[in-house]
Amino acid sequence: MGQVGTGPGATTLSVSEFLSLPFAERVRAILGDSLRFFSGGEPIDRGVALRALRVRNVEPR
């Protein structure tokens, strides 16, 4: 799960919702430091979360 934005305007998204965002919007959130990731309600390291997303979306060869 991820949260885009900060403060009261933040939006919480599931993994599938985050991945369905336009690519440019995902990159902007990641590079703009306005994205936080959670697992089981606990914050997790951005690098760990992004690696997990990449592995999740790689098709088996």
C-alpha atoms as a PDB file:
ATOM      1  CA  MET A   1       0.000   0.000   0.000  1.00  0.00           C
ATOM      2  CA  GLY A   2       1.213   3.484  -0.713  1.00  0.00           C
ATOM      3  CA  GLN A   3       0.318   6.999   0.222  1.00  0.00           C
ATOM      4  CA  VAL A   4       0.744   9.807  -2.302  1.00  0.00           C
ATOM      5  CA  GLY A   5       0.960  13.367  -1.027  1.00  0.00           C
ATOM      6  CA  THR A   6       1.257  14.742   2.455  1.00  0.00           C
ATOM      7  CA  GLY A   7      -1.123  16.136   5.017  1.00  0.00           C
ATOM      8  CA  PRO A   8      -4.892  16.094   4.647  1.00  0.00           C
ATOM      9  CA  GLY A   9      -4.659  15.917   0.838  1.00  0.00           C
ATOM     10  CA  ALA A  10      -2.804  12.580   0.866  1.00  0.00           C
ATOM     11  CA  THR A  11      -4.304   9.705  -1.090  1.00  0.00           C
ATOM     12  CA  THR A  12      -3.932   6.077  -0.016  1.00  0.00           C
ATOM     13  CA  LEU A  13      -3.628   3.590  -2.875  1.00  0.00           C
ATOM     14  CA  SER A  14      -3.426  -0.185  -3.126  1.00  0.00           C
ATOM     15  CA  VAL A  15      -0.581  -1.669  -5.155  1.00  0.00           C
ATOM     16  CA  SER A  16      -2.835  -2.164  -8.186  1.00  0.00           C
ATOM     17  CA  GLU A  17      -4.174   1.398  -7.908  1.00  0.00           C
ATOM     18  CA  PHE A  18      -0.637   2.786  -7.721  1.00  0.00           C
ATOM     19  CA  LEU A  19       0.459   0.760 -10.740  1.00  0.00           C
ATOM     20  CA  SER A  20      -2.582   1.923 -12.706  1.00  0.00           C
ATOM     21  CA  LEU A  21      -1.527   5.570 -12.346  1.00  0.00           C
ATOM     22  CA  PRO A  22       0.033   7.060 -15.455  1.00  0.00           C
ATOM     23  CA  PHE A  23       3.771   6.381 -15.527  1.00  0.00           C
ATOM     24  CA  ALA A  24       4.645  10.096 -15.358  1.00  0.00           C
ATOM     25  CA  GLU A  25       2.516  10.517 -12.228  1.00  0.00           C
ATOM     26  CA  ARG A  26       4.201   7.545 -10.522  1.00  0.00           C
ATOM     27  CA  VAL A  27       7.666   8.885 -11.356  1.00  0.00           C
ATOM     28  CA  ARG A  28       6.733  12.392 -10.177  1.00  0.00           C
ATOM     29  CA  ALA A  29       5.502  10.999  -6.831  1.00  0.00           C
ATOM     30  CA  ILE A  30       8.649   8.900  -6.356  1.00  0.00           C
ATOM     31  CA  LEU A  31      11.119  11.626  -7.311  1.00  0.00           C
ATOM     32  CA  GLY A  32       9.135  14.367  -5.595  1.00  0.00           C
ATOM     33  CA  ASP A  33       9.468  12.579  -2.271  1.00  0.00           C
ATOM     34  CA  SER A  34       5.690  12.635  -1.786  1.00  0.00           C
ATOM     35  CA  LEU A  35       5.228   8.870  -1.722  1.00  0.00           C
ATOM     36  CA  ARG A  36       5.321   6.613   1.329  1.00  0.00           C
ATOM     37  CA  PHE A  37       4.923   2.830   1.350  1.00  0.00           C
ATOM     38  CA  PHE A  38       3.326   0.656   4.010  1.00  0.00           C
ATOM     39  CA  SER A  39       3.030  -3.048   4.707  1.00  0.00           C
ATOM     40  CA  GLY A  40       0.564  -4.175   7.334  1.00  0.00           C
ATOM     41  CA  GLY A  41       0.078  -0.550   8.351  1.00  0.00           C
ATOM     42  CA  GLU A  42       3.785  -0.073   9.095  1.00  0.00           C
ATOM     43  CA  PRO A  43       5.981   2.225   6.985  1.00  0.00           C
ATOM     44  CA  ILE A  44       8.608   0.427   4.910  1.00  0.00           C
ATOM     45  CA  ASP A  45      11.729   1.638   3.133  1.00  0.00           C
ATOM     46  CA  ARG A  46      11.014   3.156  -0.287  1.00  0.00           C
ATOM     47  CA  GLY A  47      13.827   1.182  -1.954  1.00  0.00           C
ATOM     48  CA  VAL A  48      12.527  -2.101  -0.564  1.00  0.00           C
ATOM     49  CA  ALA A  49       8.989  -1.280  -1.724  1.00  0.00           C
ATOM     50  CA  LEU A  50      10.074  -0.239  -5.221  1.00  0.00           C
ATOM     51  CA  ARG A  51      12.165  -3.410  -5.639  1.00  0.00           C
ATOM     52  CA  ALA A  52       9.161  -5.495  -4.568  1.00  0.00           C
ATOM     53  CA  LEU A  53       6.978  -3.706  -7.138  1.00  0.00           C
ATOM     54  CA  ARG A  54       9.558  -4.318  -9.863  1.00  0.00           C
ATOM     55  CA  VAL A  55       9.846  -8.030  -9.015  1.00  0.00           C
ATOM     56  CA  ARG A  56       6.047  -8.328  -8.837  1.00  0.00           C
ATOM     57  CA  ASN A  57       5.663  -6.952 -12.373  1.00  0.00           C
ATOM     58  CA  VAL A  58       8.429  -8.872 -14.135  1.00  0.00           C
ATOM     59  CA  GLU A  59       6.999 -11.583 -16.336  1.00  0.00           C
ATOM     60  CA  PRO A  60       8.629 -15.021 -16.046  1.00  0.00           C
ATOM     61  CA  ARG A  61      10.862 -15.917 -18.973  1.00  0.00           C
END
